[in-house]
Amino acid sequence: SGGGLVQAGGSLRLSCAASGRTPSISTMGWFRQA
């Protein structure tokens, strides 16, 4: 969540909520595709 439209120079904060087998997680990553 947290995406949207912003002007150059501005800020945004993205969040990622994990559920399920969270104790198995070793790494969380962010990727993007233009």
PDB file of all heavy atoms in Angstrom:
ATOM      1  N   SER A   1       0.853  -1.183   0.000  1.00  0.00           N
ATOM      2  CA  SER A   1       0.000   0.000   0.000  1.00  0.00           C
ATOM      3  C   SER A   1       0.892   1.236   0.000  1.00  0.00           C
ATOM      4  O   SER A   1       2.094   1.143   0.255  1.00  0.00           O
ATOM      5  CB  SER A   1      -0.919   0.007   1.223  1.00  0.00           C
ATOM      6  OG  SER A   1      -0.165   0.025   2.417  1.00  0.00           O
ATOM      7  N   GLY A   2       0.291   2.377  -0.293  1.00  0.00           N
ATOM      8  CA  GLY A   2       1.008   3.633  -0.189  1.00  0.00           C
ATOM      9  C   GLY A   2       1.421   4.274  -1.494  1.00  0.00           C
ATOM     10  O   GLY A   2       1.953   5.388  -1.500  1.00  0.00           O
ATOM     11  N   GLY A   3       1.201   3.590  -2.605  1.00  0.00           N
ATOM     12  CA  GLY A   3       1.571   4.190  -3.889  1.00  0.00           C
ATOM     13  C   GLY A   3       0.664   5.351  -4.254  1.00  0.00           C
ATOM     14  O   GLY A   3      -0.363   5.583  -3.613  1.00  0.00           O
ATOM     15  N   GLY A   4       1.060   6.104  -5.277  1.00  0.00           N
ATOM     16  CA  GLY A   4       0.243   7.224  -5.712  1.00  0.00           C
ATOM     17  C   GLY A   4       1.006   8.157  -6.616  1.00  0.00           C
ATOM     18  O   GLY A   4       2.054   7.793  -7.167  1.00  0.00           O
ATOM     19  N   LEU A   5       0.469   9.356  -6.748  1.00  0.00           N
ATOM     20  CA  LEU A   5       1.049  10.387  -7.609  1.00  0.00           C
ATOM     21  C   LEU A   5       1.713  11.450  -6.740  1.00  0.00           C
ATOM     22  O   LEU A   5       1.123  11.930  -5.770  1.00  0.00           O
ATOM     23  CB  LEU A   5      -0.047  11.017  -8.464  1.00  0.00           C
ATOM     24  CG  LEU A   5       0.325  12.221  -9.328  1.00  0.00           C
ATOM     25  CD1 LEU A   5       1.345  11.828 -10.391  1.00  0.00           C
ATOM     26  CD2 LEU A   5      -0.925  12.823  -9.969  1.00  0.00           C
ATOM     27  N   VAL A   6       2.936  11.803  -7.098  1.00  0.00           N
ATOM     28  CA  VAL A   6       3.670  12.812  -6.343  1.00  0.00           C
ATOM     29  C   VAL A   6       4.510  13.635  -7.311  1.00  0.00           C
ATOM     30  O   VAL A   6       4.904  13.140  -8.368  1.00  0.00           O
ATOM     31  CB  VAL A   6       4.551  12.146  -5.260  1.00  0.00           C
ATOM     32  CG1 VAL A   6       5.630  11.273  -5.895  1.00  0.00           C
ATOM     33  CG2 VAL A   6       5.152  13.163  -4.319  1.00  0.00           C
ATOM     34  N   GLN A   7       4.778  14.879  -6.950  1.00  0.00           N
ATOM     35  CA  GLN A   7       5.630  15.713  -7.787  1.00  0.00           C
ATOM     36  C   GLN A   7       7.097  15.400  -7.540  1.00  0.00           C
ATOM     37  O   GLN A   7       7.470  14.926  -6.457  1.00  0.00           O
ATOM     38  CB  GLN A   7       5.366  17.191  -7.493  1.00  0.00           C
ATOM     39  CG  GLN A   7       4.019  17.689  -8.009  1.00  0.00           C
ATOM     40  CD  GLN A   7       3.876  19.192  -7.874  1.00  0.00           C
ATOM     41  OE1 GLN A   7       4.489  19.797  -7.003  1.00  0.00           O
ATOM     42  NE2 GLN A   7       3.067  19.774  -8.737  1.00  0.00           N
ATOM     43  N   ALA A   8       7.899  15.675  -8.521  1.00  0.00           N
ATOM     44  CA  ALA A   8       9.339  15.486  -8.379  1.00  0.00           C
ATOM     45  C   ALA A   8       9.847  16.245  -7.156  1.00  0.00           C
ATOM     46  O   ALA A   8       9.438  17.387  -6.915  1.00  0.00           O
ATOM     47  CB  ALA A   8      10.060  15.945  -9.636  1.00  0.00           C
ATOM     48  N   GLY A   9      10.715  15.590  -6.403  1.00  0.00           N
ATOM     49  CA  GLY A   9      11.231  16.180  -5.181  1.00  0.00           C
ATOM     50  C   GLY A   9      10.427  15.815  -3.945  1.00  0.00           C
ATOM     51  O   GLY A   9      10.871  16.058  -2.814  1.00  0.00           O
ATOM     52  N   GLY A  10       9.260  15.230  -4.158  1.00  0.00           N
ATOM     53  CA  GLY A  10       8.390  14.857  -3.051  1.00  0.00           C
ATOM     54  C   GLY A  10       8.737  13.509  -2.458  1.00  0.00           C
ATOM     55  O   GLY A  10       9.747  12.878  -2.828  1.00  0.00           O
ATOM     56  N   SER A  11       7.887  13.062  -1.536  1.00  0.00           N
ATOM     57  CA  SER A  11       8.128  11.810  -0.810  1.00  0.00           C
ATOM     58  C   SER A  11       6.882  10.944  -0.812  1.00  0.00           C
ATOM     59  O   SER A  11       5.754  11.441  -0.886  1.00  0.00           O
ATOM     60  CB  SER A  11       8.521  12.106   0.641  1.00  0.00           C
ATOM     61  OG  SER A  11       9.710  12.851   0.717  1.00  0.00           O
ATOM     62  N   LEU A  12       7.124   9.648  -0.713  1.00  0.00           N
ATOM     63  CA  LEU A  12       6.056   8.666  -0.520  1.00  0.00           C
ATOM     64  C   LEU A  12       6.588   7.575   0.397  1.00  0.00           C
ATOM     65  O   LEU A  12       7.804   7.310   0.415  1.00  0.00           O
ATOM     66  CB  LEU A  12       5.630   8.027  -1.848  1.00  0.00           C
ATOM     67  CG  LEU A  12       4.611   8.733  -2.733  1.00  0.00           C
ATOM     68  CD1 LEU A  12       4.401   7.941  -4.019  1.00  0.00           C
ATOM     69  CD2 LEU A  12       3.292   8.941  -2.016  1.00  0.00           C
ATOM     70  N   ARG A  13       5.675   6.944   1.101  1.00  0.00           N
ATOM     71  CA  ARG A  13       6.057   5.818   1.953  1.00  0.00           C
ATOM     72  C   ARG A  13       5.217   4.619   1.563  1.00  0.00           C
ATOM     73  O   ARG A  13       3.980   4.656   1.663  1.00  0.00           O
ATOM     74  CB  ARG A  13       5.842   6.153   3.425  1.00  0.00           C
ATOM     75  CG  ARG A  13       6.342   5.076   4.390  1.00  0.00           C
ATOM     76  CD  ARG A  13       6.160   5.526   5.832  1.00  0.00           C
ATOM     77  NE  ARG A  13       6.670   4.568   6.800  1.00  0.00           N
ATOM     78  CZ  ARG A  13       7.923   4.553   7.239  1.00  0.00           C
ATOM     79  NH1 ARG A  13       8.784   5.454   6.795  1.00  0.00           N
ATOM     80  NH2 ARG A  13       8.310   3.651   8.131  1.00  0.00           N
ATOM     81  N   LEU A  14       5.874   3.585   1.109  1.00  0.00           N
ATOM     82  CA  LEU A  14       5.207   2.336   0.765  1.00  0.00           C
ATOM     83  C   LEU A  14       5.276   1.379   1.954  1.00  0.00           C
ATOM     84  O   LEU A  14       6.275   1.354   2.676  1.00  0.00           O
ATOM     85  CB  LEU A  14       5.862   1.673  -0.447  1.00  0.00           C
ATOM     86  CG  LEU A  14       6.001   2.519  -1.712  1.00  0.00           C
ATOM     87  CD1 LEU A  14       6.624   1.690  -2.834  1.00  0.00           C
ATOM     88  CD2 LEU A  14       4.681   3.114  -2.134  1.00  0.00           C
ATOM     89  N   SER A  15       4.211   0.610   2.113  1.00  0.00           N
ATOM     90  CA  SER A  15       4.187  -0.399   3.167  1.00  0.00           C
ATOM     91  C   SER A  15       3.863  -1.754   2.579  1.00  0.00           C
ATOM     92  O   SER A  15       3.153  -1.850   1.575  1.00  0.00           O
ATOM     93  CB  SER A  15       3.145  -0.041   4.226  1.00  0.00           C
ATOM     94  OG  SER A  15       3.513   1.110   4.939  1.00  0.00           O
ATOM     95  N   CYS A  16       4.364  -2.785   3.231  1.00  0.00           N
ATOM     96  CA  CYS A  16       4.102  -4.151   2.797  1.00  0.00           C
ATOM     97  C   CYS A  16       3.783  -4.964   4.046  1.00  0.00           C
ATOM     98  O   CYS A  16       4.648  -5.137   4.914  1.00  0.00           O
ATOM     99  CB  CYS A  16       5.316  -4.730   2.086  1.00  0.00           C
ATOM    100  SG  CYS A  16       5.133  -6.469   1.622  1.00  0.00           S
ATOM    101  N   ALA A  17       2.549  -5.429   4.126  1.00  0.00           N
ATOM    102  CA  ALA A  17       2.111  -6.220   5.281  1.00  0.00           C
ATOM    103  C   ALA A  17       2.244  -7.701   4.947  1.00  0.00           C
ATOM    104  O   ALA A  17       1.702  -8.167   3.934  1.00  0.00           O
ATOM    105  CB  ALA A  17       0.670  -5.884   5.625  1.00  0.00           C
ATOM    106  N   ALA A  18       2.963  -8.414   5.796  1.00  0.00           N
ATOM    107  CA  ALA A  18       3.168  -9.856   5.601  1.00  0.00           C
ATOM    108  C   ALA A  18       2.276 -10.638   6.547  1.00  0.00           C
ATOM    109  O   ALA A  18       2.125 -10.281   7.713  1.00  0.00           O
ATOM    110  CB  ALA A  18       4.634 -10.209   5.850  1.00  0.00           C
ATOM    111  N   SER A  19       1.717 -11.724   6.043  1.00  0.00           N
ATOM    112  CA  SER A  19       0.898 -12.620   6.869  1.00  0.00           C
ATOM    113  C   SER A  19       1.162 -14.053   6.452  1.00  0.00           C
ATOM    114  O   SER A  19       1.810 -14.320   5.444  1.00  0.00           O
ATOM    115  CB  SER A  19      -0.586 -12.274   6.726  1.00  0.00           C
ATOM    116  OG  SER A  19      -1.011 -12.426   5.390  1.00  0.00           O
ATOM    117  N   GLY A  20       0.668 -14.979   7.249  1.00  0.00           N
ATOM    118  CA  GLY A  20       0.909 -16.387   6.962  1.00  0.00           C
ATOM    119  C   GLY A  20       2.148 -16.870   7.695  1.00  0.00           C
ATOM    120  O   GLY A  20       2.342 -16.558   8.862  1.00  0.00           O
ATOM    121  N   ARG A  21       3.007 -17.578   7.006  1.00  0.00           N
ATOM    122  CA  ARG A  21       4.180 -18.187   7.621  1.00  0.00           C
ATOM    123  C   ARG A  21       5.323 -17.181   7.762  1.00  0.00           C
ATOM    124  O   ARG A  21       6.436 -17.395   7.265  1.00  0.00           O
ATOM    125  CB  ARG A  21       4.616 -19.401   6.825  1.00  0.00           C
ATOM    126  CG  ARG A  21       3.575 -20.524   6.780  1.00  0.00           C
ATOM    127  CD  ARG A  21       4.092 -21.762   6.096  1.00  0.00           C
ATOM    128  NE  ARG A  21       5.222 -22.348   6.835  1.00  0.00           N
ATOM    129  CZ  ARG A  21       5.906 -23.397   6.429  1.00  0.00           C
ATOM    130  NH1 ARG A  21       5.593 -23.986   5.275  1.00  0.00           N
ATOM    131  NH2 ARG A  21       6.902 -23.868   7.147  1.00  0.00           N
ATOM    132  N   THR A  22       5.071 -16.102   8.457  1.00  0.00           N
ATOM    133  CA  THR A  22       6.082 -15.056   8.599  1.00  0.00           C
ATOM    134  C   THR A  22       7.351 -15.512   9.330  1.00  0.00           C
ATOM    135  O   THR A  22       8.423 -14.967   9.061  1.00  0.00           O
ATOM    136  CB  THR A  22       5.491 -13.818   9.280  1.00  0.00           C
ATOM    137  OG1 THR A  22       4.914 -14.201  10.528  1.00  0.00           O
ATOM    138  CG2 THR A  22       4.416 -13.185   8.399  1.00  0.00           C
ATOM    139  N   PRO A  23       7.293 -16.468  10.259  1.00  0.00           N
ATOM    140  CA  PRO A  23       8.546 -16.920  10.882  1.00  0.00           C
ATOM    141  C   PRO A  23       9.528 -17.527   9.891  1.00  0.00           C
ATOM    142  O   PRO A  23      10.720 -17.654  10.194  1.00  0.00           O
ATOM    143  CB  PRO A  23       8.063 -17.984  11.883  1.00  0.00           C
ATOM    144  CG  PRO A  23       6.680 -17.582  12.219  1.00  0.00           C
ATOM    145  CD  PRO A  23       6.127 -17.087  10.922  1.00  0.00           C
ATOM    146  N   SER A  24       9.050 -17.904   8.704  1.00  0.00           N
ATOM    147  CA  SER A  24       9.937 -18.501   7.704  1.00  0.00           C
ATOM    148  C   SER A  24      10.694 -17.461   6.891  1.00  0.00           C
ATOM    149  O   SER A  24      11.605 -17.786   6.134  1.00  0.00           O
ATOM    150  CB  SER A  24       9.129 -19.385   6.743  1.00  0.00           C
ATOM    151  OG  SER A  24       8.290 -18.593   5.926  1.00  0.00           O
ATOM    152  N   ILE A  25      10.340 -16.195   7.034  1.00  0.00           N
ATOM    153  CA  ILE A  25      10.945 -15.138   6.216  1.00  0.00           C
ATOM    154  C   ILE A  25      12.391 -14.889   6.626  1.00  0.00           C
ATOM    155  O   ILE A  25      12.696 -14.734   7.801  1.00  0.00           O
ATOM    156  CB  ILE A  25      10.135 -13.835   6.322  1.00  0.00           C
ATOM    157  CG1 ILE A  25       8.728 -14.030   5.786  1.00  0.00           C
ATOM    158  CG2 ILE A  25      10.846 -12.720   5.557  1.00  0.00           C
ATOM    159  CD1 ILE A  25       7.835 -12.817   5.982  1.00  0.00           C
ATOM    160  N   SER A  26      13.274 -14.834   5.640  1.00  0.00           N
ATOM    161  CA  SER A  26      14.670 -14.467   5.894  1.00  0.00           C
ATOM    162  C   SER A  26      14.977 -13.061   5.380  1.00  0.00           C
ATOM    163  O   SER A  26      15.797 -12.347   5.951  1.00  0.00           O
ATOM    164  CB  SER A  26      15.610 -15.453   5.202  1.00  0.00           C
ATOM    165  OG  SER A  26      15.528 -15.326   3.784  1.00  0.00           O
ATOM    166  N   THR A  27      14.308 -12.671   4.292  1.00  0.00           N
ATOM    167  CA  THR A  27      14.591 -11.415   3.629  1.00  0.00           C
ATOM    168  C   THR A  27      13.297 -10.825   3.085  1.00  0.00           C
ATOM    169  O   THR A  27      12.428 -11.561   2.603  1.00  0.00           O
ATOM    170  CB  THR A  27      15.529 -11.628   2.423  1.00  0.00           C
ATOM    171  OG1 THR A  27      16.514 -12.606   2.710  1.00  0.00           O
ATOM    172  CG2 THR A  27      16.184 -10.328   1.999  1.00  0.00           C
ATOM    173  N   MET A  28      13.183  -9.511   3.155  1.00  0.00           N
ATOM    174  CA  MET A  28      12.103  -8.794   2.487  1.00  0.00           C
ATOM    175  C   MET A  28      12.741  -7.822   1.515  1.00  0.00           C
ATOM    176  O   MET A  28      13.683  -7.111   1.861  1.00  0.00           O
ATOM    177  CB  MET A  28      11.245  -8.041   3.496  1.00  0.00           C
ATOM    178  CG  MET A  28      10.441  -8.942   4.409  1.00  0.00           C
ATOM    179  SD  MET A  28       9.044  -9.702   3.578  1.00  0.00           S
ATOM    180  CE  MET A  28       7.942  -8.298   3.406  1.00  0.00           C
ATOM    181  N   GLY A  29      12.203  -7.805   0.308  1.00  0.00           N
ATOM    182  CA  GLY A  29      12.778  -6.939  -0.706  1.00  0.00           C
ATOM    183  C   GLY A  29      11.736  -6.085  -1.405  1.00  0.00           C
ATOM    184  O   GLY A  29      10.533  -6.378  -1.356  1.00  0.00           O
ATOM    185  N   TRP A  30      12.230  -5.036  -2.033  1.00  0.00           N
ATOM    186  CA  TRP A  30      11.401  -4.188  -2.889  1.00  0.00           C
ATOM    187  C   TRP A  30      12.017  -4.185  -4.286  1.00  0.00           C
ATOM    188  O   TRP A  30      13.227  -4.004  -4.448  1.00  0.00           O
ATOM    189  CB  TRP A  30      11.341  -2.754  -2.358  1.00  0.00           C
ATOM    190  CG  TRP A  30      10.502  -2.580  -1.142  1.00  0.00           C
ATOM    191  CD1 TRP A  30      10.929  -2.573   0.158  1.00  0.00           C
ATOM    192  CD2 TRP A  30       9.090  -2.380  -1.089  1.00  0.00           C
ATOM    193  NE1 TRP A  30       9.866  -2.392   1.001  1.00  0.00           N
ATOM    194  CE2 TRP A  30       8.719  -2.264   0.262  1.00  0.00           C
ATOM    195  CE3 TRP A  30       8.092  -2.289  -2.056  1.00  0.00           C
ATOM    196  CZ2 TRP A  30       7.397  -2.061   0.677  1.00  0.00           C
ATOM    197  CZ3 TRP A  30       6.781  -2.091  -1.652  1.00  0.00           C
ATOM    198  CH2 TRP A  30       6.444  -1.975  -0.304  1.00  0.00           C
ATOM    199  N   PHE A  31      11.159  -4.369  -5.257  1.00  0.00           N
ATOM    200  CA  PHE A  31      11.546  -4.300  -6.659  1.00  0.00           C
ATOM    201  C   PHE A  31      10.605  -3.327  -7.359  1.00  0.00           C
ATOM    202  O   PHE A  31       9.550  -2.973  -6.823  1.00  0.00           O
ATOM    203  CB  PHE A  31      11.434  -5.693  -7.307  1.00  0.00           C
ATOM    204  CG  PHE A  31      12.463  -6.679  -6.822  1.00  0.00           C
ATOM    205  CD1 PHE A  31      12.330  -7.285  -5.591  1.00  0.00           C
ATOM    206  CD2 PHE A  31      13.561  -6.996  -7.604  1.00  0.00           C
ATOM    207  CE1 PHE A  31      13.294  -8.193  -5.131  1.00  0.00           C
ATOM    208  CE2 PHE A  31      14.521  -7.901  -7.158  1.00  0.00           C
ATOM    209  CZ  PHE A  31      14.381  -8.498  -5.920  1.00  0.00           C
ATOM    210  N   ARG A  32      10.973  -2.926  -8.545  1.00  0.00           N
ATOM    211  CA  ARG A  32      10.087  -2.059  -9.307  1.00  0.00           C
ATOM    212  C   ARG A  32      10.177  -2.379 -10.788  1.00  0.00           C
ATOM    213  O   ARG A  32      11.200  -2.881 -11.261  1.00  0.00           O
ATOM    214  CB  ARG A  32      10.410  -0.586  -9.066  1.00  0.00           C
ATOM    215  CG  ARG A  32      11.724  -0.122  -9.664  1.00  0.00           C
ATOM    216  CD  ARG A  32      12.018   1.317  -9.242  1.00  0.00           C
ATOM    217  NE  ARG A  32      13.171   1.865  -9.938  1.00  0.00           N
ATOM    218  CZ  ARG A  32      13.700   3.061  -9.653  1.00  0.00           C
ATOM    219  NH1 ARG A  32      13.180   3.819  -8.704  1.00  0.00           N
ATOM    220  NH2 ARG A  32      14.738   3.489 -10.345  1.00  0.00           N
ATOM    221  N   GLN A  33       9.103  -2.071 -11.487  1.00  0.00           N
ATOM    222  CA  GLN A  33       9.078  -2.273 -12.928  1.00  0.00           C
ATOM    223  C   GLN A  33       8.447  -1.068 -13.588  1.00  0.00           C
ATOM    224  O   GLN A  33       7.271  -0.760 -13.372  1.00  0.00           O
ATOM    225  CB  GLN A  33       8.284  -3.534 -13.283  1.00  0.00           C
ATOM    226  CG  GLN A  33       8.356  -3.889 -14.757  1.00  0.00           C
ATOM    227  CD  GLN A  33       7.825  -5.275 -15.053  1.00  0.00           C
ATOM    228  OE1 GLN A  33       7.069  -5.852 -14.286  1.00  0.00           O
ATOM    229  NE2 GLN A  33       8.239  -5.836 -16.173  1.00  0.00           N
ATOM    230  N   ALA A  34       9.266  -0.372 -14.364  1.00  0.00           N
ATOM    231  CA  ALA A  34       8.802   0.784 -15.117  1.00  0.00           C
ATOM    232  C   ALA A  34       8.192   0.320 -16.435  1.00  0.00           C
ATOM    233  O   ALA A  34       8.527  -0.769 -16.929  1.00  0.00           O
ATOM    234  CB  ALA A  34       9.960   1.742 -15.368  1.00  0.00           C
TER     235      ALA A  34
END
